PDB file of N, CA and C in Angstrom:
ATOM      1  N   UNK A   1      18.186   9.749  27.882  1.00  0.00           N
ATOM      2  CA  UNK A   1      18.284  11.111  27.411  1.00  0.00           C
ATOM      3  C   UNK A   1      18.248  11.169  25.875  1.00  0.00           C
ATOM      4  N   UNK A   2      18.991  10.273  25.230  1.00  0.00           N
ATOM      5  CA  UNK A   2      19.021  10.258  23.771  1.00  0.00           C
ATOM      6  C   UNK A   2      17.630   9.944  23.213  1.00  0.00           C
ATOM      7  N   UNK A   3      16.930   9.013  23.858  1.00  0.00           N
ATOM      8  CA  UNK A   3      15.587   8.639  23.431  1.00  0.00           C
ATOM      9  C   UNK A   3      14.622   9.837  23.547  1.00  0.00           C
ATOM     10  N   UNK A   4      14.772  10.619  24.610  1.00  0.00           N
ATOM     11  CA  UNK A   4      13.917  11.792  24.799  1.00  0.00           C
ATOM     12  C   UNK A   4      14.153  12.823  23.705  1.00  0.00           C
ATOM     13  N   UNK A   5      15.415  13.009  23.328  1.00  0.00           N
ATOM     14  CA  UNK A   5      15.715  13.947  22.242  1.00  0.00           C
ATOM     15  C   UNK A   5      15.131  13.462  20.922  1.00  0.00           C
ATOM     16  N   UNK A   6      15.248  12.154  20.681  1.00  0.00           N
ATOM     17  CA  UNK A   6      14.695  11.581  19.453  1.00  0.00           C
ATOM     18  C   UNK A   6      13.181  11.751  19.429  1.00  0.00           C
ATOM     19  N   UNK A   7      12.547  11.528  20.572  1.00  0.00           N
ATOM     20  CA  UNK A   7      11.099  11.697  20.682  1.00  0.00           C
ATOM     21  C   UNK A   7      10.699  13.143  20.392  1.00  0.00           C
ATOM     22  N   UNK A   8      11.426  14.072  20.961  1.00  0.00           N
ATOM     23  CA  UNK A   8      11.132  15.497  20.766  1.00  0.00           C
ATOM     24  C   UNK A   8      11.311  15.898  19.298  1.00  0.00           C
ATOM     25  N   UNK A   9      12.391  15.452  18.675  1.00  0.00           N
ATOM     26  CA  UNK A   9      12.607  15.814  17.274  1.00  0.00           C
ATOM     27  C   UNK A   9      11.580  15.125  16.375  1.00  0.00           C
ATOM     28  N   UNK A  10      11.172  13.912  16.741  1.00  0.00           N
ATOM     29  CA  UNK A  10      10.138  13.228  15.974  1.00  0.00           C
ATOM     30  C   UNK A  10       8.820  13.971  16.022  1.00  0.00           C
ATOM     31  N   UNK A  11       8.457  14.449  17.197  1.00  0.00           N
ATOM     32  CA  UNK A  11       7.225  15.227  17.338  1.00  0.00           C
ATOM     33  C   UNK A  11       7.305  16.528  16.534  1.00  0.00           C
ATOM     34  N   UNK A  12       8.462  17.145  16.549  1.00  0.00           N
ATOM     35  CA  UNK A  12       8.659  18.375  15.774  1.00  0.00           C
ATOM     36  C   UNK A  12       8.508  18.075  14.279  1.00  0.00           C
ATOM     37  N   UNK A  13       9.074  16.974  13.833  1.00  0.00           N
ATOM     38  CA  UNK A  13       8.932  16.577  12.439  1.00  0.00           C
ATOM     39  C   UNK A  13       7.476  16.339  12.064  1.00  0.00           C
ATOM     40  N   UNK A  14       6.741  15.683  12.944  1.00  0.00           N
ATOM     41  CA  UNK A  14       5.332  15.430  12.689  1.00  0.00           C
ATOM     42  C   UNK A  14       4.543  16.737  12.632  1.00  0.00           C
ATOM     43  N   UNK A  15       4.884  17.682  13.508  1.00  0.00           N
ATOM     44  CA  UNK A  15       4.213  18.985  13.497  1.00  0.00           C
ATOM     45  C   UNK A  15       4.472  19.705  12.169  1.00  0.00           C
ATOM     46  N   UNK A  16       5.716  19.664  11.718  1.00  0.00           N
ATOM     47  CA  UNK A  16       6.064  20.310  10.451  1.00  0.00           C
ATOM     48  C   UNK A  16       5.390  19.624   9.263  1.00  0.00           C
ATOM     49  N   UNK A  17       5.353  18.302   9.298  1.00  0.00           N
ATOM     50  CA  UNK A  17       4.705  17.565   8.206  1.00  0.00           C
ATOM     51  C   UNK A  17       3.220  17.889   8.153  1.00  0.00           C
ATOM     52  N   UNK A  18       2.569  17.967   9.316  1.00  0.00           N
ATOM     53  CA  UNK A  18       1.145  18.304   9.357  1.00  0.00           C
ATOM     54  C   UNK A  18       0.909  19.705   8.802  1.00  0.00           C
ATOM     55  N   UNK A  19       1.753  20.647   9.168  1.00  0.00           N
ATOM     56  CA  UNK A  19       1.613  22.018   8.660  1.00  0.00           C
ATOM     57  C   UNK A  19       1.791  22.044   7.145  1.00  0.00           C
ATOM     58  N   UNK A  20       2.763  21.309   6.644  1.00  0.00           N
ATOM     59  CA  UNK A  20       3.022  21.262   5.204  1.00  0.00           C
ATOM     60  C   UNK A  20       1.836  20.645   4.458  1.00  0.00           C
ATOM     61  N   UNK A  21       1.290  19.559   5.020  1.00  0.00           N
ATOM     62  CA  UNK A  21       0.126  18.937   4.390  1.00  0.00           C
ATOM     63  C   UNK A  21      -1.062  19.903   4.349  1.00  0.00           C
ATOM     64  N   UNK A  22      -1.268  20.641   5.430  1.00  0.00           N
ATOM     65  CA  UNK A  22      -2.363  21.625   5.451  1.00  0.00           C
ATOM     66  C   UNK A  22      -2.182  22.660   4.343  1.00  0.00           C
ATOM     67  N   UNK A  23      -0.943  23.098   4.153  1.00  0.00           N
ATOM     68  CA  UNK A  23      -0.673  24.059   3.078  1.00  0.00           C
ATOM     69  C   UNK A  23      -0.987  23.479   1.700  1.00  0.00           C
ATOM     70  N   UNK A  24      -0.903  22.173   1.575  1.00  0.00           N
ATOM     71  CA  UNK A  24      -1.181  21.495   0.310  1.00  0.00           C
ATOM     72  C   UNK A  24      -2.642  21.085   0.179  1.00  0.00           C
ATOM     73  N   UNK A  25      -3.488  21.529   1.121  1.00  0.00           N
ATOM     74  CA  UNK A  25      -4.910  21.270   1.013  1.00  0.00           C
ATOM     75  C   UNK A  25      -5.427  20.047   1.749  1.00  0.00           C
ATOM     76  N   UNK A  26      -4.581  19.409   2.541  1.00  0.00           N
ATOM     77  CA  UNK A  26      -4.996  18.243   3.310  1.00  0.00           C
ATOM     78  C   UNK A  26      -5.592  18.693   4.636  1.00  0.00           C
ATOM     79  N   UNK A  27      -6.526  17.906   5.136  1.00  0.00           N
ATOM     80  CA  UNK A  27      -7.080  18.118   6.471  1.00  0.00           C
ATOM     81  C   UNK A  27      -6.532  17.004   7.364  1.00  0.00           C
ATOM     82  N   UNK A  28      -5.961  17.371   8.494  1.00  0.00           N
ATOM     83  CA  UNK A  28      -5.401  16.381   9.412  1.00  0.00           C
ATOM     84  C   UNK A  28      -6.543  15.828  10.254  1.00  0.00           C
ATOM     85  N   UNK A  29      -6.758  14.517  10.145  1.00  0.00           N
ATOM     86  CA  UNK A  29      -7.829  13.862  10.891  1.00  0.00           C
ATOM     87  C   UNK A  29      -7.349  13.371  12.256  1.00  0.00           C
ATOM     88  N   UNK A  30      -6.076  12.968  12.335  1.00  0.00           N
ATOM     89  CA  UNK A  30      -5.550  12.431  13.590  1.00  0.00           C
ATOM     90  C   UNK A  30      -4.032  12.473  13.575  1.00  0.00           C
ATOM     91  N   UNK A  31      -3.471  12.493  14.768  1.00  0.00           N
ATOM     92  CA  UNK A  31      -2.024  12.451  14.953  1.00  0.00           C
ATOM     93  C   UNK A  31      -1.686  11.349  15.944  1.00  0.00           C
ATOM     94  N   UNK A  32      -0.583  10.663  15.697  1.00  0.00           N
ATOM     95  CA  UNK A  32      -0.081   9.624  16.595  1.00  0.00           C
ATOM     96  C   UNK A  32      -1.146   8.614  16.992  1.00  0.00           C
ATOM     97  N   UNK A  33      -1.683   7.950  16.001  1.00  0.00           N
ATOM     98  CA  UNK A  33      -2.723   6.956  16.230  1.00  0.00           C
ATOM     99  C   UNK A  33      -2.052   5.649  16.650  1.00  0.00           C
ATOM    100  N   UNK A  34      -2.377   5.207  17.853  1.00  0.00           N
ATOM    101  CA  UNK A  34      -1.798   3.963  18.370  1.00  0.00           C
ATOM    102  C   UNK A  34      -2.742   2.800  18.076  1.00  0.00           C
ATOM    103  N   UNK A  35      -2.157   1.706  17.596  1.00  0.00           N
ATOM    104  CA  UNK A  35      -2.915   0.495  17.314  1.00  0.00           C
ATOM    105  C   UNK A  35      -2.160  -0.678  17.935  1.00  0.00           C
ATOM    106  N   UNK A  36      -2.779  -1.845  18.005  1.00  0.00           N
ATOM    107  CA  UNK A  36      -2.054  -3.018  18.517  1.00  0.00           C
ATOM    108  C   UNK A  36      -0.835  -3.394  17.663  1.00  0.00           C
ATOM    109  N   UNK A  37      -0.801  -2.926  16.421  1.00  0.00           N
ATOM    110  CA  UNK A  37       0.303  -3.275  15.521  1.00  0.00           C
ATOM    111  C   UNK A  37       1.311  -2.158  15.306  1.00  0.00           C
ATOM    112  N   UNK A  38       1.121  -1.044  15.976  1.00  0.00           N
ATOM    113  CA  UNK A  38       2.070   0.057  15.831  1.00  0.00           C
ATOM    114  C   UNK A  38       1.375   1.393  15.787  1.00  0.00           C
ATOM    115  N   UNK A  39       2.148   2.406  15.502  1.00  0.00           N
ATOM    116  CA  UNK A  39       1.645   3.777  15.520  1.00  0.00           C
ATOM    117  C   UNK A  39       1.646   4.364  14.118  1.00  0.00           C
ATOM    118  N   UNK A  40       0.637   5.180  13.847  1.00  0.00           N
ATOM    119  CA  UNK A  40       0.555   5.923  12.592  1.00  0.00           C
ATOM    120  C   UNK A  40       0.771   7.385  12.948  1.00  0.00           C
ATOM    121  N   UNK A  41       1.737   8.017  12.314  1.00  0.00           N
ATOM    122  CA  UNK A  41       2.097   9.388  12.682  1.00  0.00           C
ATOM    123  C   UNK A  41       0.977  10.384  12.399  1.00  0.00           C
ATOM    124  N   UNK A  42       0.449  10.360  11.176  1.00  0.00           N
ATOM    125  CA  UNK A  42      -0.604  11.297  10.790  1.00  0.00           C
ATOM    126  C   UNK A  42      -1.644  10.583   9.933  1.00  0.00           C
ATOM    127  N   UNK A  43      -2.888  11.023  10.079  1.00  0.00           N
ATOM    128  CA  UNK A  43      -3.946  10.593   9.166  1.00  0.00           C
ATOM    129  C   UNK A  43      -4.485  11.881   8.549  1.00  0.00           C
ATOM    130  N   UNK A  44      -4.468  11.931   7.216  1.00  0.00           N
ATOM    131  CA  UNK A  44      -4.870  13.150   6.520  1.00  0.00           C
ATOM    132  C   UNK A  44      -5.857  12.815   5.411  1.00  0.00           C
ATOM    133  N   UNK A  45      -6.699  13.795   5.094  1.00  0.00           N
ATOM    134  CA  UNK A  45      -7.693  13.586   4.037  1.00  0.00           C
ATOM    135  C   UNK A  45      -7.705  14.785   3.102  1.00  0.00           C
ATOM    136  N   UNK A  46      -7.788  14.472   1.819  1.00  0.00           N
ATOM    137  CA  UNK A  46      -7.977  15.500   0.789  1.00  0.00           C
ATOM    138  C   UNK A  46      -8.856  14.886  -0.286  1.00  0.00           C
ATOM    139  N   UNK A  47      -9.984  15.516  -0.525  1.00  0.00           N
ATOM    140  CA  UNK A  47     -10.918  14.965  -1.502  1.00  0.00           C
ATOM    141  C   UNK A  47     -11.391  13.588  -1.074  1.00  0.00           C
ATOM    142  N   UNK A  48     -11.244  12.634  -1.956  1.00  0.00           N
ATOM    143  CA  UNK A  48     -11.684  11.260  -1.688  1.00  0.00           C
ATOM    144  C   UNK A  48     -10.536  10.339  -1.303  1.00  0.00           C
ATOM    145  N   UNK A  49      -9.451  10.905  -0.773  1.00  0.00           N
ATOM    146  CA  UNK A  49      -8.286  10.105  -0.390  1.00  0.00           C
ATOM    147  C   UNK A  49      -7.989  10.311   1.090  1.00  0.00           C
ATOM    148  N   UNK A  50      -7.811   9.209   1.795  1.00  0.00           N
ATOM    149  CA  UNK A  50      -7.346   9.245   3.176  1.00  0.00           C
ATOM    150  C   UNK A  50      -5.933   8.663   3.172  1.00  0.00           C
ATOM    151  N   UNK A  51      -4.984   9.470   3.623  1.00  0.00           N
ATOM    152  CA  UNK A  51      -3.577   9.043   3.648  1.00  0.00           C
ATOM    153  C   UNK A  51      -3.144   8.800   5.088  1.00  0.00           C
ATOM    154  N   UNK A  52      -2.525   7.664   5.299  1.00  0.00           N
ATOM    155  CA  UNK A  52      -1.916   7.317   6.577  1.00  0.00           C
ATOM    156  C   UNK A  52      -0.427   7.588   6.379  1.00  0.00           C
ATOM    157  N   UNK A  53       0.087   8.565   7.114  1.00  0.00           N
ATOM    158  CA  UNK A  53       1.394   9.136   6.795  1.00  0.00           C
ATOM    159  C   UNK A  53       2.448   8.771   7.836  1.00  0.00           C
ATOM    160  N   UNK A  54       3.530   8.216   7.363  1.00  0.00           N
ATOM    161  CA  UNK A  54       4.724   7.966   8.182  1.00  0.00           C
ATOM    162  C   UNK A  54       5.661   9.147   7.972  1.00  0.00           C
ATOM    163  N   UNK A  55       6.088   9.756   9.062  1.00  0.00           N
ATOM    164  CA  UNK A  55       6.964  10.924   8.998  1.00  0.00           C
ATOM    165  C   UNK A  55       8.348  10.526   9.491  1.00  0.00           C
ATOM    166  N   UNK A  56       9.360  10.889   8.732  1.00  0.00           N
ATOM    167  CA  UNK A  56      10.747  10.642   9.132  1.00  0.00           C
ATOM    168  C   UNK A  56      11.507  11.950   9.130  1.00  0.00           C
ATOM    169  N   UNK A  57      12.102  12.276  10.253  1.00  0.00           N
ATOM    170  CA  UNK A  57      12.904  13.484  10.444  1.00  0.00           C
ATOM    171  C   UNK A  57      14.345  13.060  10.643  1.00  0.00           C
ATOM    172  N   UNK A  58      15.248  13.650   9.899  1.00  0.00           N
ATOM    173  CA  UNK A  58      16.675  13.358  10.044  1.00  0.00           C
ATOM    174  C   UNK A  58      17.440  14.664  10.155  1.00  0.00           C
ATOM    175  N   UNK A  59      18.541  14.629  10.865  1.00  0.00           N
ATOM    176  CA  UNK A  59      19.363  15.824  11.061  1.00  0.00           C
ATOM    177  C   UNK A  59      20.076  16.238   9.784  1.00  0.00           C
ATOM    178  N   UNK A  60      20.373  15.243   8.930  1.00  0.00           N
ATOM    179  CA  UNK A  60      21.091  15.519   7.681  1.00  0.00           C
ATOM    180  C   UNK A  60      20.251  15.078   6.488  1.00  0.00           C
ATOM    181  N   UNK A  61      20.253  15.901   5.468  1.00  0.00           N
ATOM    182  CA  UNK A  61      19.514  15.609   4.248  1.00  0.00           C
ATOM    183  C   UNK A  61      19.927  14.260   3.657  1.00  0.00           C
ATOM    184  N   UNK A  62      21.201  13.957   3.670  1.00  0.00           N
ATOM    185  CA  UNK A  62      21.693  12.706   3.088  1.00  0.00           C
ATOM    186  C   UNK A  62      21.127  11.474   3.792  1.00  0.00           C
ATOM    187  N   UNK A  63      20.762  11.613   5.058  1.00  0.00           N
ATOM    188  CA  UNK A  63      20.240  10.473   5.817  1.00  0.00           C
ATOM    189  C   UNK A  63      18.803  10.114   5.445  1.00  0.00           C
ATOM    190  N   UNK A  64      18.133  10.983   4.706  1.00  0.00           N
ATOM    191  CA  UNK A  64      16.755  10.695   4.311  1.00  0.00           C
ATOM    192  C   UNK A  64      16.659   9.518   3.350  1.00  0.00           C
ATOM    193  N   UNK A  65      17.706   9.292   2.585  1.00  0.00           N
ATOM    194  CA  UNK A  65      17.675   8.209   1.601  1.00  0.00           C
ATOM    195  C   UNK A  65      17.523   6.835   2.240  1.00  0.00           C
ATOM    196  N   UNK A  66      17.914   6.707   3.508  1.00  0.00           N
ATOM    197  CA  UNK A  66      17.818   5.412   4.195  1.00  0.00           C
ATOM    198  C   UNK A  66      16.836   5.455   5.367  1.00  0.00           C
ATOM    199  N   UNK A  67      16.025   6.498   5.435  1.00  0.00           N
ATOM    200  CA  UNK A  67      15.120   6.672   6.573  1.00  0.00           C
ATOM    201  C   UNK A  67      13.926   5.715   6.548  1.00  0.00           C
ATOM    202  N   UNK A  68      13.561   5.254   5.380  1.00  0.00           N
ATOM    203  CA  UNK A  68      12.379   4.388   5.261  1.00  0.00           C
ATOM    204  C   UNK A  68      12.739   3.171   4.427  1.00  0.00           C
ATOM    205  N   UNK A  69      12.193   2.042   4.808  1.00  0.00           N
ATOM    206  CA  UNK A  69      12.448   0.810   4.064  1.00  0.00           C
ATOM    207  C   UNK A  69      11.182  -0.046   4.081  1.00  0.00           C
ATOM    208  N   UNK A  70      11.252  -1.169   3.410  1.00  0.00           N
ATOM    209  CA  UNK A  70      10.085  -2.036   3.277  1.00  0.00           C
ATOM    210  C   UNK A  70       9.574  -2.527   4.640  1.00  0.00           C
ATOM    211  N   UNK A  71      10.484  -2.849   5.547  1.00  0.00           N
ATOM    212  CA  UNK A  71      10.098  -3.325   6.873  1.00  0.00           C
ATOM    213  C   UNK A  71       9.284  -2.258   7.612  1.00  0.00           C
ATOM    214  N   UNK A  72       9.759  -1.026   7.611  1.00  0.00           N
ATOM    215  CA  UNK A  72       9.043   0.053   8.304  1.00  0.00           C
ATOM    216  C   UNK A  72       7.684   0.320   7.652  1.00  0.00           C
ATOM    217  N   UNK A  73       7.655   0.302   6.334  1.00  0.00           N
ATOM    218  CA  UNK A  73       6.387   0.516   5.631  1.00  0.00           C
ATOM    219  C   UNK A  73       5.397  -0.606   5.921  1.00  0.00           C
ATOM    220  N   UNK A  74       5.872  -1.831   6.008  1.00  0.00           N
ATOM    221  CA  UNK A  74       4.996  -2.957   6.312  1.00  0.00           C
ATOM    222  C   UNK A  74       4.389  -2.806   7.706  1.00  0.00           C
ATOM    223  N   UNK A  75       5.155  -2.289   8.650  1.00  0.00           N
ATOM    224  CA  UNK A  75       4.632  -2.063  10.000  1.00  0.00           C
ATOM    225  C   UNK A  75       3.531  -1.005   9.986  1.00  0.00           C
ATOM    226  N   UNK A  76       3.746   0.059   9.225  1.00  0.00           N
ATOM    227  CA  UNK A  76       2.719   1.104   9.115  1.00  0.00           C
ATOM    228  C   UNK A  76       1.473   0.524   8.450  1.00  0.00           C
ATOM    229  N   UNK A  77       1.654  -0.246   7.385  1.00  0.00           N
ATOM    230  CA  UNK A  77       0.513  -0.846   6.682  1.00  0.00           C
ATOM    231  C   UNK A  77      -0.275  -1.771   7.611  1.00  0.00           C
ATOM    232  N   UNK A  78       0.409  -2.509   8.455  1.00  0.00           N
ATOM    233  CA  UNK A  78      -0.271  -3.383   9.415  1.00  0.00           C
ATOM    234  C   UNK A  78      -1.083  -2.557  10.409  1.00  0.00           C
ATOM    235  N   UNK A  79      -0.537  -1.443  10.846  1.00  0.00           N
ATOM    236  CA  UNK A  79      -1.268  -0.556  11.757  1.00  0.00           C
ATOM    237  C   UNK A  79      -2.488   0.039  11.059  1.00  0.00           C
ATOM    238  N   UNK A  80      -2.341   0.395   9.804  1.00  0.00           N
ATOM    239  CA  UNK A  80      -3.451   0.964   9.028  1.00  0.00           C
ATOM    240  C   UNK A  80      -4.611  -0.030   8.953  1.00  0.00           C
ATOM    241  N   UNK A  81      -4.307  -1.302   8.785  1.00  0.00           N
ATOM    242  CA  UNK A  81      -5.361  -2.316   8.714  1.00  0.00           C
ATOM    243  C   UNK A  81      -6.246  -2.297   9.954  1.00  0.00           C
ATOM    244  N   UNK A  82      -5.683  -1.924  11.089  1.00  0.00           N
ATOM    245  CA  UNK A  82      -6.437  -1.902  12.348  1.00  0.00           C
ATOM    246  C   UNK A  82      -7.441  -0.750  12.425  1.00  0.00           C
ATOM    247  N   UNK A  83      -7.168   0.353  11.736  1.00  0.00           N
ATOM    248  CA  UNK A  83      -7.989   1.558  11.937  1.00  0.00           C
ATOM    249  C   UNK A  83      -8.523   2.194  10.652  1.00  0.00           C
ATOM    250  N   UNK A  84      -8.211   1.659   9.501  1.00  0.00           N
ATOM    251  CA  UNK A  84      -8.631   2.290   8.242  1.00  0.00           C
ATOM    252  C   UNK A  84     -10.132   2.526   8.203  1.00  0.00           C
ATOM    253  N   UNK A  85     -10.904   1.573   8.714  1.00  0.00           N
ATOM    254  CA  UNK A  85     -12.365   1.698   8.696  1.00  0.00           C
ATOM    255  C   UNK A  85     -12.863   2.858   9.568  1.00  0.00           C
ATOM    256  N   UNK A  86     -12.051   3.309  10.508  1.00  0.00           N
ATOM    257  CA  UNK A  86     -12.440   4.445  11.352  1.00  0.00           C
ATOM    258  C   UNK A  86     -12.318   5.781  10.624  1.00  0.00           C
ATOM    259  N   UNK A  87     -11.492   5.830   9.601  1.00  0.00           N
ATOM    260  CA  UNK A  87     -11.218   7.095   8.911  1.00  0.00           C
ATOM    261  C   UNK A  87     -11.767   7.139   7.486  1.00  0.00           C
ATOM    262  N   UNK A  88     -11.801   6.018   6.812  1.00  0.00           N
ATOM    263  CA  UNK A  88     -12.339   5.961   5.451  1.00  0.00           C
ATOM    264  C   UNK A  88     -13.758   5.409   5.550  1.00  0.00           C
ATOM    265  N   UNK A  89     -14.678   6.258   5.965  1.00  0.00           N
ATOM    266  CA  UNK A  89     -16.040   5.813   6.253  1.00  0.00           C
ATOM    267  C   UNK A  89     -17.003   6.002   5.093  1.00  0.00           C
ATOM    268  N   UNK A  90     -16.585   6.759   4.090  1.00  0.00           N
ATOM    269  CA  UNK A  90     -17.466   7.058   2.953  1.00  0.00           C
ATOM    270  C   UNK A  90     -16.971   6.410   1.661  1.00  0.00           C
ATOM    271  N   UNK A  91     -16.193   5.342   1.783  1.00  0.00           N
ATOM    272  CA  UNK A  91     -15.688   4.652   0.607  1.00  0.00           C
ATOM    273  C   UNK A  91     -14.493   5.331  -0.040  1.00  0.00           C
ATOM    274  N   UNK A  92     -13.805   6.204   0.701  1.00  0.00           N
ATOM    275  CA  UNK A  92     -12.637   6.888   0.154  1.00  0.00           C
ATOM    276  C   UNK A  92     -11.513   5.889  -0.148  1.00  0.00           C
ATOM    277  N   UNK A  93     -10.649   6.283  -1.052  1.00  0.00           N
ATOM    278  CA  UNK A  93      -9.432   5.508  -1.288  1.00  0.00           C
ATOM    279  C   UNK A  93      -8.503   5.722  -0.109  1.00  0.00           C
ATOM    280  N   UNK A  94      -7.759   4.686   0.242  1.00  0.00           N
ATOM    281  CA  UNK A  94      -6.759   4.836   1.302  1.00  0.00           C
ATOM    282  C   UNK A  94      -5.388   4.516   0.735  1.00  0.00           C
ATOM    283  N   UNK A  95      -4.380   5.127   1.352  1.00  0.00           N
ATOM    284  CA  UNK A  95      -3.012   4.858   0.928  1.00  0.00           C
ATOM    285  C   UNK A  95      -2.071   5.159   2.086  1.00  0.00           C
ATOM    286  N   UNK A  96      -0.860   4.639   1.962  1.00  0.00           N
ATOM    287  CA  UNK A  96       0.203   4.917   2.925  1.00  0.00           C
ATOM    288  C   UNK A  96       1.195   5.849   2.243  1.00  0.00           C
ATOM    289  N   UNK A  97       1.395   7.019   2.839  1.00  0.00           N
ATOM    290  CA  UNK A  97       2.341   8.010   2.327  1.00  0.00           C
ATOM    291  C   UNK A  97       3.505   8.139   3.301  1.00  0.00           C
ATOM    292  N   UNK A  98       4.578   8.720   2.821  1.00  0.00           N
ATOM    293  CA  UNK A  98       5.744   9.018   3.648  1.00  0.00           C
ATOM    294  C   UNK A  98       6.122  10.472   3.412  1.00  0.00           C
ATOM    295  N   UNK A  99       6.460  11.161   4.484  1.00  0.00           N
ATOM    296  CA  UNK A  99       7.015  12.503   4.366  1.00  0.00           C
ATOM    297  C   UNK A  99       8.382  12.486   5.031  1.00  0.00           C
ATOM    298  N   UNK A 100       9.399  12.864   4.251  1.00  0.00           N
ATOM    299  CA  UNK A 100      10.782  12.916   4.732  1.00  0.00           C
ATOM    300  C   UNK A 100      11.185  14.359   4.950  1.00  0.00           C
ATOM    301  N   UNK A 101      11.750  14.638   6.122  1.00  0.00           N
ATOM    302  CA  UNK A 101      12.114  16.006   6.493  1.00  0.00           C
ATOM    303  C   UNK A 101      13.539  16.076   7.009  1.00  0.00           C
ATOM    304  N   UNK A 102      14.208  17.183   6.677  1.00  0.00           N
ATOM    305  CA  UNK A 102      15.544  17.479   7.199  1.00  0.00           C
ATOM    306  C   UNK A 102      15.694  18.997   7.232  1.00  0.00           C
ATOM    307  N   UNK A 103      16.516  19.507   8.130  1.00  0.00           N
ATOM    308  CA  UNK A 103      16.716  20.958   8.204  1.00  0.00           C
ATOM    309  C   UNK A 103      17.192  21.527   6.866  1.00  0.00           C
ATOM    310  N   UNK A 104      16.616  22.657   6.496  1.00  0.00           N
ATOM    311  CA  UNK A 104      17.056  23.357   5.296  1.00  0.00           C
ATOM    312  C   UNK A 104      16.577  22.771   3.990  1.00  0.00           C
ATOM    313  N   UNK A 105      15.676  21.783   4.059  1.00  0.00           N
ATOM    314  CA  UNK A 105      15.179  21.156   2.831  1.00  0.00           C
ATOM    315  C   UNK A 105      13.659  21.164   2.828  1.00  0.00           C
ATOM    316  N   UNK A 106      13.087  21.262   1.650  1.00  0.00           N
ATOM    317  CA  UNK A 106      11.639  21.138   1.539  1.00  0.00           C
ATOM    318  C   UNK A 106      11.230  19.699   1.864  1.00  0.00           C
ATOM    319  N   UNK A 107      10.041  19.511   2.405  1.00  0.00           N
ATOM    320  CA  UNK A 107       9.574  18.150   2.668  1.00  0.00           C
ATOM    321  C   UNK A 107       9.508  17.339   1.373  1.00  0.00           C
ATOM    322  N   UNK A 108       9.840  16.078   1.486  1.00  0.00           N
ATOM    323  CA  UNK A 108       9.739  15.145   0.361  1.00  0.00           C
ATOM    324  C   UNK A 108       8.542  14.232   0.647  1.00  0.00           C
ATOM    325  N   UNK A 109       7.487  14.374  -0.144  1.00  0.00           N
ATOM    326  CA  UNK A 109       6.256  13.617   0.061  1.00  0.00           C
ATOM    327  C   UNK A 109       6.218  12.474  -0.944  1.00  0.00           C
ATOM    328  N   UNK A 110       6.220  11.266  -0.441  1.00  0.00           N
ATOM    329  CA  UNK A 110       6.124  10.084  -1.286  1.00  0.00           C
ATOM    330  C   UNK A 110       4.699   9.552  -1.155  1.00  0.00           C
ATOM    331  N   UNK A 111       3.900   9.800  -2.168  1.00  0.00           N
ATOM    332  CA  UNK A 111       2.501   9.368  -2.162  1.00  0.00           C
ATOM    333  C   UNK A 111       2.420   7.891  -2.507  1.00  0.00           C
ATOM    334  N   UNK A 112       1.514   7.198  -1.821  1.00  0.00           N
ATOM    335  CA  UNK A 112       1.274   5.776  -2.086  1.00  0.00           C
ATOM    336  C   UNK A 112       2.572   4.971  -2.032  1.00  0.00           C
ATOM    337  N   UNK A 113       3.302   5.150  -0.943  1.00  0.00           N
ATOM    338  CA  UNK A 113       4.632   4.540  -0.800  1.00  0.00           C
ATOM    339  C   UNK A 113       4.569   3.034  -0.582  1.00  0.00           C
ATOM    340  N   UNK A 114       3.457   2.530  -0.090  1.00  0.00           N
ATOM    341  CA  UNK A 114       3.345   1.094   0.200  1.00  0.00           C
ATOM    342  C   UNK A 114       2.437   0.432  -0.815  1.00  0.00           C
ATOM    343  N   UNK A 115       3.018  -0.480  -1.579  1.00  0.00           N
ATOM    344  CA  UNK A 115       2.242  -1.277  -2.523  1.00  0.00           C
ATOM    345  C   UNK A 115       2.697  -2.715  -2.364  1.00  0.00           C
ATOM    346  N   UNK A 116       1.941  -3.495  -1.567  1.00  0.00           N
ATOM    347  CA  UNK A 116       2.376  -4.882  -1.303  1.00  0.00           C
ATOM    348  C   UNK A 116       2.390  -5.745  -2.541  1.00  0.00           C
TER     349      UNK A 116
END
C-alpha cells in the first residue's frame, strides 16, 4: 500500500514537472523511459538542448535537500547512456537535470546536475 502511494505521488510530481517545463518553453519528448540501467522520468528539449530529467517529489520542502545524491544521479546518467542517441539525433547537447518539488513551493530546477 505504501509503495502504491509513493508511485502515485511520484507520477503526480512528474506530471507537475512536465507542466512546469512546458511553461518554460521545453517540449516533452518522453515520459518514464525504461532502460536496462534504470528509468528516466522525463526527456525534454528546448532549442539545441535535450535534458534527461530526474524528478523528486517530497511531502515537505525541507526534505528536498536530501532528495538527490551522487548515487541517484549516476543511475540516471547510466540510463541516459542507453537512450541518448534516440533523442539527440541532430547533434544537440545533452544533459541531466533535476526538478525538485514539494507542496506550496515553486519547482527547483537544477540544470546540468550531473558532471562526472
